[in-house]
């Protein structure tokens, strides 16, 4: 594929402009086998909750593409808008062009200034991952009712408050409220789909954008795949929705001023293909 048509190179996929043919003017998403996680004992531990690529999983790109296609079609059936058009190869799909939620740099002449390239919205059913690391006073795996947060997306993701997004002009108050509700609605559909397989979604992240053509509507873009979801087996909620077996599942540590948390019952991303297809 011609590199001249490359629009964006990401951790899990590359985005290309389609210059000719049936889908001219649309975008092609190419899902890669690269996987994020962390190193432990000199070996990679793959975990979609981390930002660093630590290796490859052969066939992962095809799994992610098939998985994303399944959920985009499901969202369409539920009346939820997205940029999805069609899946054309094992690891490639065609999508409508969309602009990620972003903002140009206001004073480019100042050293260190940089634009807001795009945003991701995390949603969390349970207190784990970076949420628990930031709020260690919370019981691990506590039910937090789909808390939604916004993050700048890049080499290192950075939490940004909704108040800051509004005050800086990156998004209006109405756009923020709509986006949070959209994320929660999509999360509920995704969670119900996993629940039908006797699985529980711990948390996830979605990217939103404005369609380039039409009225610029904010829709879900990018992907819904094993790369953006953490899922577990054996979830057993009490009357408050807190997992009753969290003490056997959650493993935390604190060393050198750094907190970590892992979930023993988390489903490997590679296993998702056996669950849904």
C-alpha atoms as a PDB file:
ATOM      1  CA  UNK A   1       0.000   0.000   0.000  1.00  0.00           C
ATOM      2  CA  UNK A   2       1.386   3.371  -1.021  1.00  0.00           C
ATOM      3  CA  UNK A   3       2.900   5.245   1.916  1.00  0.00           C
ATOM      4  CA  UNK A   4       1.933   8.514   0.218  1.00  0.00           C
ATOM      5  CA  UNK A   5      -1.683   7.794   1.126  1.00  0.00           C
ATOM      6  CA  UNK A   6      -0.843   7.263   4.794  1.00  0.00           C
ATOM      7  CA  UNK A   7      -2.781   9.675   7.013  1.00  0.00           C
ATOM      8  CA  UNK A   8      -2.014   8.354  10.466  1.00  0.00           C
ATOM      9  CA  UNK A   9       0.168   5.637  11.953  1.00  0.00           C
ATOM     10  CA  UNK A  10      -1.044   4.381  15.323  1.00  0.00           C
ATOM     11  CA  UNK A  11      -0.197   1.709  17.872  1.00  0.00           C
ATOM     12  CA  UNK A  12      -2.790  -0.760  16.637  1.00  0.00           C
ATOM     13  CA  UNK A  13      -3.687   0.397  13.128  1.00  0.00           C
ATOM     14  CA  UNK A  14      -2.717   2.634  10.222  1.00  0.00           C
ATOM     15  CA  UNK A  15      -5.127   4.928   8.360  1.00  0.00           C
ATOM     16  CA  UNK A  16      -4.908   5.518   4.609  1.00  0.00           C
ATOM     17  CA  UNK A  17      -6.782   7.756   2.198  1.00  0.00           C
ATOM     18  CA  UNK A  18      -8.363   5.877  -0.722  1.00  0.00           C
ATOM     19  CA  UNK A  19      -7.450   7.807  -3.863  1.00  0.00           C
ATOM     20  CA  UNK A  20      -9.393   5.896  -6.505  1.00  0.00           C
ATOM     21  CA  UNK A  21     -11.929   3.188  -7.163  1.00  0.00           C
ATOM     22  CA  UNK A  22     -15.297   2.403  -5.601  1.00  0.00           C
ATOM     23  CA  UNK A  23     -14.403   3.933  -2.241  1.00  0.00           C
ATOM     24  CA  UNK A  24     -12.428   6.938  -3.466  1.00  0.00           C
ATOM     25  CA  UNK A  25     -12.422   9.659  -0.838  1.00  0.00           C
ATOM     26  CA  UNK A  26     -13.044   7.239   2.006  1.00  0.00           C
ATOM     27  CA  UNK A  27     -10.488   5.940   4.510  1.00  0.00           C
ATOM     28  CA  UNK A  28      -8.977   2.486   4.876  1.00  0.00           C
ATOM     29  CA  UNK A  29      -8.128   1.213   8.356  1.00  0.00           C
ATOM     30  CA  UNK A  30      -5.393  -1.441   8.421  1.00  0.00           C
ATOM     31  CA  UNK A  31      -5.273  -3.333  11.725  1.00  0.00           C
ATOM     32  CA  UNK A  32      -1.804  -4.414  12.847  1.00  0.00           C
ATOM     33  CA  UNK A  33      -0.436  -7.279  14.915  1.00  0.00           C
ATOM     34  CA  UNK A  34       1.340  -4.837  17.273  1.00  0.00           C
ATOM     35  CA  UNK A  35       0.145  -5.174  20.886  1.00  0.00           C
ATOM     36  CA  UNK A  36       0.441  -2.918  23.937  1.00  0.00           C
ATOM     37  CA  UNK A  37       1.301  -3.963  27.481  1.00  0.00           C
ATOM     38  CA  UNK A  38       4.227  -3.984  29.869  1.00  0.00           C
ATOM     39  CA  UNK A  39       7.449  -5.919  30.443  1.00  0.00           C
ATOM     40  CA  UNK A  40       7.730  -8.315  33.360  1.00  0.00           C
ATOM     41  CA  UNK A  41      10.812 -10.420  33.963  1.00  0.00           C
ATOM     42  CA  UNK A  42      12.129  -9.473  30.528  1.00  0.00           C
ATOM     43  CA  UNK A  43       9.021 -10.782  28.794  1.00  0.00           C
ATOM     44  CA  UNK A  44       6.054  -8.842  27.360  1.00  0.00           C
ATOM     45  CA  UNK A  45       2.711  -9.031  29.128  1.00  0.00           C
ATOM     46  CA  UNK A  46       0.006  -7.922  26.720  1.00  0.00           C
ATOM     47  CA  UNK A  47      -2.662  -5.650  28.217  1.00  0.00           C
ATOM     48  CA  UNK A  48      -4.864  -3.186  26.245  1.00  0.00           C
ATOM     49  CA  UNK A  49      -4.951  -0.873  29.257  1.00  0.00           C
ATOM     50  CA  UNK A  50      -1.332   0.156  28.610  1.00  0.00           C
ATOM     51  CA  UNK A  51       0.007   2.608  26.005  1.00  0.00           C
ATOM     52  CA  UNK A  52       3.348   1.056  25.026  1.00  0.00           C
ATOM     53  CA  UNK A  53       3.759  -1.445  22.190  1.00  0.00           C
ATOM     54  CA  UNK A  54       5.737  -4.367  23.621  1.00  0.00           C
ATOM     55  CA  UNK A  55       5.516  -6.914  20.803  1.00  0.00           C
ATOM     56  CA  UNK A  56       3.382  -8.594  18.167  1.00  0.00           C
ATOM     57  CA  UNK A  57       0.655 -11.225  18.336  1.00  0.00           C
ATOM     58  CA  UNK A  58       0.412 -13.029  14.953  1.00  0.00           C
ATOM     59  CA  UNK A  59      -3.094 -12.686  13.551  1.00  0.00           C
ATOM     60  CA  UNK A  60      -4.123 -10.074  16.103  1.00  0.00           C
ATOM     61  CA  UNK A  61      -4.895  -7.477  13.434  1.00  0.00           C
ATOM     62  CA  UNK A  62      -7.362  -9.788  11.706  1.00  0.00           C
ATOM     63  CA  UNK A  63      -9.006 -10.642  15.036  1.00  0.00           C
ATOM     64  CA  UNK A  64      -9.356  -6.950  15.909  1.00  0.00           C
ATOM     65  CA  UNK A  65     -10.834  -6.116  12.500  1.00  0.00           C
ATOM     66  CA  UNK A  66     -13.357  -8.947  12.645  1.00  0.00           C
ATOM     67  CA  UNK A  67     -14.289  -8.016  16.190  1.00  0.00           C
ATOM     68  CA  UNK A  68     -14.673  -4.312  15.316  1.00  0.00           C
ATOM     69  CA  UNK A  69     -16.824  -5.178  12.293  1.00  0.00           C
ATOM     70  CA  UNK A  70     -19.130  -7.234  14.505  1.00  0.00           C
ATOM     71  CA  UNK A  71     -19.654  -4.396  16.967  1.00  0.00           C
ATOM     72  CA  UNK A  72     -20.014  -1.625  14.382  1.00  0.00           C
ATOM     73  CA  UNK A  73     -22.745  -3.669  12.688  1.00  0.00           C
ATOM     74  CA  UNK A  74     -24.386  -4.240  16.063  1.00  0.00           C
ATOM     75  CA  UNK A  75     -24.310  -0.492  16.807  1.00  0.00           C
ATOM     76  CA  UNK A  76     -25.905   0.216  13.429  1.00  0.00           C
ATOM     77  CA  UNK A  77     -28.736  -2.187  14.272  1.00  0.00           C
ATOM     78  CA  UNK A  78     -29.213  -0.281  17.550  1.00  0.00           C
ATOM     79  CA  UNK A  79     -29.335   3.100  15.791  1.00  0.00           C
ATOM     80  CA  UNK A  80     -25.931   4.282  17.062  1.00  0.00           C
ATOM     81  CA  UNK A  81     -23.968   6.308  14.449  1.00  0.00           C
ATOM     82  CA  UNK A  82     -20.382   5.429  13.513  1.00  0.00           C
ATOM     83  CA  UNK A  83     -17.974   5.911  10.626  1.00  0.00           C
ATOM     84  CA  UNK A  84     -18.101   2.229   9.556  1.00  0.00           C
ATOM     85  CA  UNK A  85     -18.863   1.352   5.911  1.00  0.00           C
ATOM     86  CA  UNK A  86     -17.592  -2.152   5.109  1.00  0.00           C
ATOM     87  CA  UNK A  87     -14.928  -4.775   5.800  1.00  0.00           C
ATOM     88  CA  UNK A  88     -12.899  -5.641   2.695  1.00  0.00           C
ATOM     89  CA  UNK A  89     -10.059  -7.880   3.947  1.00  0.00           C
ATOM     90  CA  UNK A  90      -9.234  -9.876   7.060  1.00  0.00           C
ATOM     91  CA  UNK A  91      -7.483  -6.882   8.620  1.00  0.00           C
ATOM     92  CA  UNK A  92      -8.910  -3.941   6.640  1.00  0.00           C
ATOM     93  CA  UNK A  93     -12.124  -1.954   6.775  1.00  0.00           C
ATOM     94  CA  UNK A  94     -13.505   1.062   4.922  1.00  0.00           C
ATOM     95  CA  UNK A  95     -14.808   4.017   6.920  1.00  0.00           C
ATOM     96  CA  UNK A  96     -16.208   7.484   6.365  1.00  0.00           C
ATOM     97  CA  UNK A  97     -13.630  10.258   6.729  1.00  0.00           C
ATOM     98  CA  UNK A  98     -13.905  11.901  10.124  1.00  0.00           C
ATOM     99  CA  UNK A  99     -11.964  14.511  12.031  1.00  0.00           C
ATOM    100  CA  UNK A 100     -10.944  13.419  15.523  1.00  0.00           C
ATOM    101  CA  UNK A 101     -11.999  15.782  18.298  1.00  0.00           C
ATOM    102  CA  UNK A 102      -9.015  18.113  18.265  1.00  0.00           C
ATOM    103  CA  UNK A 103      -7.830  21.729  18.439  1.00  0.00           C
ATOM    104  CA  UNK A 104      -4.998  23.569  16.665  1.00  0.00           C
ATOM    105  CA  UNK A 105      -2.256  25.156  18.721  1.00  0.00           C
ATOM    106  CA  UNK A 106      -3.198  28.763  19.552  1.00  0.00           C
ATOM    107  CA  UNK A 107       0.330  30.203  19.845  1.00  0.00           C
ATOM    108  CA  UNK A 108       2.664  28.121  17.668  1.00  0.00           C
ATOM    109  CA  UNK A 109       5.503  30.608  18.141  1.00  0.00           C
ATOM    110  CA  UNK A 110       6.023  29.580  21.761  1.00  0.00           C
ATOM    111  CA  UNK A 111       8.467  26.686  22.272  1.00  0.00           C
ATOM    112  CA  UNK A 112       6.713  23.621  23.584  1.00  0.00           C
ATOM    113  CA  UNK A 113       3.314  24.582  22.194  1.00  0.00           C
ATOM    114  CA  UNK A 114       1.454  21.700  20.566  1.00  0.00           C
ATOM    115  CA  UNK A 115      -2.010  21.027  19.143  1.00  0.00           C
ATOM    116  CA  UNK A 116      -4.615  18.751  20.682  1.00  0.00           C
ATOM    117  CA  UNK A 117      -4.524  15.969  18.109  1.00  0.00           C
ATOM    118  CA  UNK A 118      -7.433  13.829  19.261  1.00  0.00           C
ATOM    119  CA  UNK A 119      -9.333  12.615  22.291  1.00  0.00           C
ATOM    120  CA  UNK A 120     -10.215   9.240  23.717  1.00  0.00           C
ATOM    121  CA  UNK A 121     -13.047   8.645  26.150  1.00  0.00           C
ATOM    122  CA  UNK A 122     -12.511   5.946  28.750  1.00  0.00           C
ATOM    123  CA  UNK A 123     -15.452   4.382  30.551  1.00  0.00           C
ATOM    124  CA  UNK A 124     -15.050   2.234  33.621  1.00  0.00           C
ATOM    125  CA  UNK A 125     -17.350  -0.266  35.254  1.00  0.00           C
ATOM    126  CA  UNK A 126     -14.771  -1.063  37.929  1.00  0.00           C
ATOM    127  CA  UNK A 127     -11.921   0.678  39.743  1.00  0.00           C
ATOM    128  CA  UNK A 128      -8.805  -0.857  38.241  1.00  0.00           C
ATOM    129  CA  UNK A 129      -5.984   0.075  35.869  1.00  0.00           C
ATOM    130  CA  UNK A 130      -4.980   3.724  35.891  1.00  0.00           C
ATOM    131  CA  UNK A 131      -8.185   4.678  37.707  1.00  0.00           C
ATOM    132  CA  UNK A 132      -7.184   2.718  40.808  1.00  0.00           C
ATOM    133  CA  UNK A 133      -3.563   3.884  40.518  1.00  0.00           C
ATOM    134  CA  UNK A 134      -4.773   7.486  40.625  1.00  0.00           C
ATOM    135  CA  UNK A 135      -7.352   6.849  43.343  1.00  0.00           C
ATOM    136  CA  UNK A 136      -5.798   4.143  45.545  1.00  0.00           C
ATOM    137  CA  UNK A 137      -8.183   4.946  48.399  1.00  0.00           C
ATOM    138  CA  UNK A 138     -10.905   3.167  46.406  1.00  0.00           C
ATOM    139  CA  UNK A 139     -11.472  -0.547  46.897  1.00  0.00           C
ATOM    140  CA  UNK A 140      -9.990  -2.462  43.939  1.00  0.00           C
ATOM    141  CA  UNK A 141     -12.681  -3.434  41.418  1.00  0.00           C
ATOM    142  CA  UNK A 142     -15.339  -1.284  43.116  1.00  0.00           C
ATOM    143  CA  UNK A 143     -18.378  -0.672  40.896  1.00  0.00           C
ATOM    144  CA  UNK A 144     -18.031   2.911  39.602  1.00  0.00           C
ATOM    145  CA  UNK A 145     -21.035   2.894  37.230  1.00  0.00           C
ATOM    146  CA  UNK A 146     -19.375   3.670  33.898  1.00  0.00           C
ATOM    147  CA  UNK A 147     -17.378   6.708  34.954  1.00  0.00           C
ATOM    148  CA  UNK A 148     -16.376   8.536  31.749  1.00  0.00           C
ATOM    149  CA  UNK A 149     -13.067  10.396  31.402  1.00  0.00           C
ATOM    150  CA  UNK A 150     -11.422  12.220  28.495  1.00  0.00           C
ATOM    151  CA  UNK A 151      -7.771  11.667  27.565  1.00  0.00           C
ATOM    152  CA  UNK A 152      -5.503  13.233  24.992  1.00  0.00           C
ATOM    153  CA  UNK A 153      -4.290  10.492  22.658  1.00  0.00           C
ATOM    154  CA  UNK A 154      -0.617  10.240  21.746  1.00  0.00           C
ATOM    155  CA  UNK A 155       2.619   8.522  22.674  1.00  0.00           C
ATOM    156  CA  UNK A 156       1.569   9.071  26.291  1.00  0.00           C
ATOM    157  CA  UNK A 157      -2.145   9.532  27.040  1.00  0.00           C
ATOM    158  CA  UNK A 158      -2.910  12.448  29.384  1.00  0.00           C
ATOM    159  CA  UNK A 159      -6.098  12.930  31.414  1.00  0.00           C
ATOM    160  CA  UNK A 160      -7.943  16.166  30.611  1.00  0.00           C
ATOM    161  CA  UNK A 161     -10.963  17.482  32.514  1.00  0.00           C
ATOM    162  CA  UNK A 162     -14.265  18.274  30.823  1.00  0.00           C
ATOM    163  CA  UNK A 163     -14.105  21.767  32.334  1.00  0.00           C
ATOM    164  CA  UNK A 164     -10.742  22.314  30.631  1.00  0.00           C
ATOM    165  CA  UNK A 165     -12.119  21.106  27.299  1.00  0.00           C
ATOM    166  CA  UNK A 166     -14.941  23.638  27.514  1.00  0.00           C
ATOM    167  CA  UNK A 167     -12.852  26.550  28.783  1.00  0.00           C
ATOM    168  CA  UNK A 168     -10.181  26.116  26.107  1.00  0.00           C
ATOM    169  CA  UNK A 169     -12.775  25.917  23.340  1.00  0.00           C
ATOM    170  CA  UNK A 170     -11.880  22.380  22.334  1.00  0.00           C
ATOM    171  CA  UNK A 171     -15.509  21.297  22.858  1.00  0.00           C
ATOM    172  CA  UNK A 172     -18.724  23.047  23.836  1.00  0.00           C
ATOM    173  CA  UNK A 173     -20.667  22.085  26.945  1.00  0.00           C
ATOM    174  CA  UNK A 174     -23.391  20.618  24.729  1.00  0.00           C
ATOM    175  CA  UNK A 175     -20.859  18.549  22.756  1.00  0.00           C
ATOM    176  CA  UNK A 176     -19.325  17.229  25.963  1.00  0.00           C
ATOM    177  CA  UNK A 177     -22.704  16.196  27.378  1.00  0.00           C
ATOM    178  CA  UNK A 178     -23.654  14.522  24.085  1.00  0.00           C
ATOM    179  CA  UNK A 179     -20.312  12.703  23.888  1.00  0.00           C
ATOM    180  CA  UNK A 180     -20.520  11.389  27.451  1.00  0.00           C
ATOM    181  CA  UNK A 181     -24.043  10.090  26.840  1.00  0.00           C
ATOM    182  CA  UNK A 182     -22.994   8.523  23.527  1.00  0.00           C
ATOM    183  CA  UNK A 183     -20.056   6.758  25.179  1.00  0.00           C
ATOM    184  CA  UNK A 184     -22.283   5.410  27.964  1.00  0.00           C
ATOM    185  CA  UNK A 185     -24.887   4.167  25.481  1.00  0.00           C
ATOM    186  CA  UNK A 186     -22.267   2.353  23.402  1.00  0.00           C
ATOM    187  CA  UNK A 187     -20.648   0.953  26.531  1.00  0.00           C
ATOM    188  CA  UNK A 188     -23.992  -0.469  27.665  1.00  0.00           C
ATOM    189  CA  UNK A 189     -24.488  -2.224  24.317  1.00  0.00           C
ATOM    190  CA  UNK A 190     -20.966  -3.643  24.424  1.00  0.00           C
ATOM    191  CA  UNK A 191     -21.391  -4.808  28.028  1.00  0.00           C
ATOM    192  CA  UNK A 192     -24.690  -6.540  27.258  1.00  0.00           C
ATOM    193  CA  UNK A 193     -23.104  -8.354  24.335  1.00  0.00           C
ATOM    194  CA  UNK A 194     -20.331  -9.676  26.569  1.00  0.00           C
ATOM    195  CA  UNK A 195     -22.811 -10.505  29.322  1.00  0.00           C
ATOM    196  CA  UNK A 196     -24.583 -12.786  26.856  1.00  0.00           C
ATOM    197  CA  UNK A 197     -21.293 -14.732  26.738  1.00  0.00           C
ATOM    198  CA  UNK A 198     -21.077 -14.850  30.564  1.00  0.00           C
ATOM    199  CA  UNK A 199     -18.288 -12.262  30.567  1.00  0.00           C
ATOM    200  CA  UNK A 200     -17.929  -8.891  32.288  1.00  0.00           C
ATOM    201  CA  UNK A 201     -16.374  -5.786  30.755  1.00  0.00           C
ATOM    202  CA  UNK A 202     -14.094  -4.078  33.266  1.00  0.00           C
ATOM    203  CA  UNK A 203     -13.467  -0.930  31.230  1.00  0.00           C
ATOM    204  CA  UNK A 204     -12.874   0.356  27.730  1.00  0.00           C
ATOM    205  CA  UNK A 205     -12.031   3.369  25.627  1.00  0.00           C
ATOM    206  CA  UNK A 206     -13.639   4.864  22.541  1.00  0.00           C
ATOM    207  CA  UNK A 207     -12.518   7.552  20.147  1.00  0.00           C
ATOM    208  CA  UNK A 208     -15.067  10.047  18.849  1.00  0.00           C
ATOM    209  CA  UNK A 209     -14.892  12.334  15.842  1.00  0.00           C
ATOM    210  CA  UNK A 210     -16.876  14.599  13.558  1.00  0.00           C
ATOM    211  CA  UNK A 211     -17.873  13.215  10.172  1.00  0.00           C
ATOM    212  CA  UNK A 212     -16.260  15.328   7.441  1.00  0.00           C
ATOM    213  CA  UNK A 213     -19.304  15.233   5.181  1.00  0.00           C
ATOM    214  CA  UNK A 214     -22.855  16.128   6.108  1.00  0.00           C
ATOM    215  CA  UNK A 215     -23.551  18.012   9.321  1.00  0.00           C
ATOM    216  CA  UNK A 216     -20.303  17.139  11.103  1.00  0.00           C
ATOM    217  CA  UNK A 217     -22.101  14.880  13.574  1.00  0.00           C
ATOM    218  CA  UNK A 218     -20.041  13.449  16.443  1.00  0.00           C
ATOM    219  CA  UNK A 219     -19.890   9.659  16.120  1.00  0.00           C
ATOM    220  CA  UNK A 220     -17.747   6.793  17.354  1.00  0.00           C
ATOM    221  CA  UNK A 221     -14.711   6.289  15.111  1.00  0.00           C
ATOM    222  CA  UNK A 222     -11.522   4.260  15.175  1.00  0.00           C
ATOM    223  CA  UNK A 223     -12.404   0.813  16.569  1.00  0.00           C
ATOM    224  CA  UNK A 224     -14.162  -1.381  19.098  1.00  0.00           C
ATOM    225  CA  UNK A 225     -11.779  -4.281  19.508  1.00  0.00           C
ATOM    226  CA  UNK A 226      -9.774  -6.321  22.022  1.00  0.00           C
ATOM    227  CA  UNK A 227      -7.286  -3.431  21.897  1.00  0.00           C
ATOM    228  CA  UNK A 228      -9.720  -1.100  23.672  1.00  0.00           C
ATOM    229  CA  UNK A 229     -11.522  -3.389  26.136  1.00  0.00           C
ATOM    230  CA  UNK A 230     -10.622  -5.243  29.331  1.00  0.00           C
ATOM    231  CA  UNK A 231     -12.863  -8.191  30.070  1.00  0.00           C
ATOM    232  CA  UNK A 232     -12.948 -10.741  32.893  1.00  0.00           C
ATOM    233  CA  UNK A 233     -14.443 -14.109  33.744  1.00  0.00           C
ATOM    234  CA  UNK A 234     -16.131 -15.038  37.008  1.00  0.00           C
ATOM    235  CA  UNK A 235     -17.530 -11.607  37.892  1.00  0.00           C
ATOM    236  CA  UNK A 236     -19.825 -12.036  40.887  1.00  0.00           C
ATOM    237  CA  UNK A 237     -21.543  -8.777  41.892  1.00  0.00           C
ATOM    238  CA  UNK A 238     -23.107  -8.083  45.269  1.00  0.00           C
ATOM    239  CA  UNK A 239     -26.156  -5.861  45.813  1.00  0.00           C
ATOM    240  CA  UNK A 240     -24.024  -2.738  45.130  1.00  0.00           C
ATOM    241  CA  UNK A 241     -22.482  -4.161  41.983  1.00  0.00           C
ATOM    242  CA  UNK A 242     -19.084  -4.731  43.611  1.00  0.00           C
ATOM    243  CA  UNK A 243     -17.397  -8.001  42.719  1.00  0.00           C
ATOM    244  CA  UNK A 244     -17.552 -10.422  45.661  1.00  0.00           C
ATOM    245  CA  UNK A 245     -14.384 -12.269  44.635  1.00  0.00           C
ATOM    246  CA  UNK A 246     -12.179  -9.224  44.052  1.00  0.00           C
ATOM    247  CA  UNK A 247      -9.815 -10.279  46.843  1.00  0.00           C
ATOM    248  CA  UNK A 248      -8.973 -13.453  44.893  1.00  0.00           C
ATOM    249  CA  UNK A 249      -8.748 -11.678  41.516  1.00  0.00           C
ATOM    250  CA  UNK A 250      -7.118  -8.259  42.050  1.00  0.00           C
ATOM    251  CA  UNK A 251      -3.363  -8.181  42.662  1.00  0.00           C
ATOM    252  CA  UNK A 252      -1.822  -4.876  43.730  1.00  0.00           C
ATOM    253  CA  UNK A 253       1.712  -3.826  44.589  1.00  0.00           C
ATOM    254  CA  UNK A 254       3.540  -0.701  45.675  1.00  0.00           C
ATOM    255  CA  UNK A 255       7.277  -0.342  45.087  1.00  0.00           C
ATOM    256  CA  UNK A 256       9.537   2.631  44.480  1.00  0.00           C
ATOM    257  CA  UNK A 257       6.600   5.002  44.666  1.00  0.00           C
ATOM    258  CA  UNK A 258       4.788   3.145  41.866  1.00  0.00           C
ATOM    259  CA  UNK A 259       1.459   1.350  42.184  1.00  0.00           C
ATOM    260  CA  UNK A 260       0.357  -1.537  39.988  1.00  0.00           C
ATOM    261  CA  UNK A 261      -2.849  -3.511  39.770  1.00  0.00           C
ATOM    262  CA  UNK A 262      -3.600  -6.655  37.768  1.00  0.00           C
ATOM    263  CA  UNK A 263      -6.674  -8.806  37.366  1.00  0.00           C
ATOM    264  CA  UNK A 264      -6.101 -12.571  37.460  1.00  0.00           C
ATOM    265  CA  UNK A 265      -9.393 -13.344  35.687  1.00  0.00           C
ATOM    266  CA  UNK A 266      -8.846 -10.953  32.792  1.00  0.00           C
ATOM    267  CA  UNK A 267      -9.472 -12.552  29.392  1.00  0.00           C
ATOM    268  CA  UNK A 268      -6.589 -12.470  26.923  1.00  0.00           C
ATOM    269  CA  UNK A 269      -7.371 -10.422  23.827  1.00  0.00           C
ATOM    270  CA  UNK A 270      -6.367 -13.386  21.663  1.00  0.00           C
ATOM    271  CA  UNK A 271      -9.182 -15.432  23.207  1.00  0.00           C
ATOM    272  CA  UNK A 272     -11.914 -13.030  22.067  1.00  0.00           C
ATOM    273  CA  UNK A 273     -12.083 -14.650  18.641  1.00  0.00           C
ATOM    274  CA  UNK A 274     -13.077 -17.973  20.226  1.00  0.00           C
ATOM    275  CA  UNK A 275     -15.778 -16.271  22.270  1.00  0.00           C
ATOM    276  CA  UNK A 276     -17.613 -14.438  19.503  1.00  0.00           C
ATOM    277  CA  UNK A 277     -16.865 -16.317  16.289  1.00  0.00           C
END
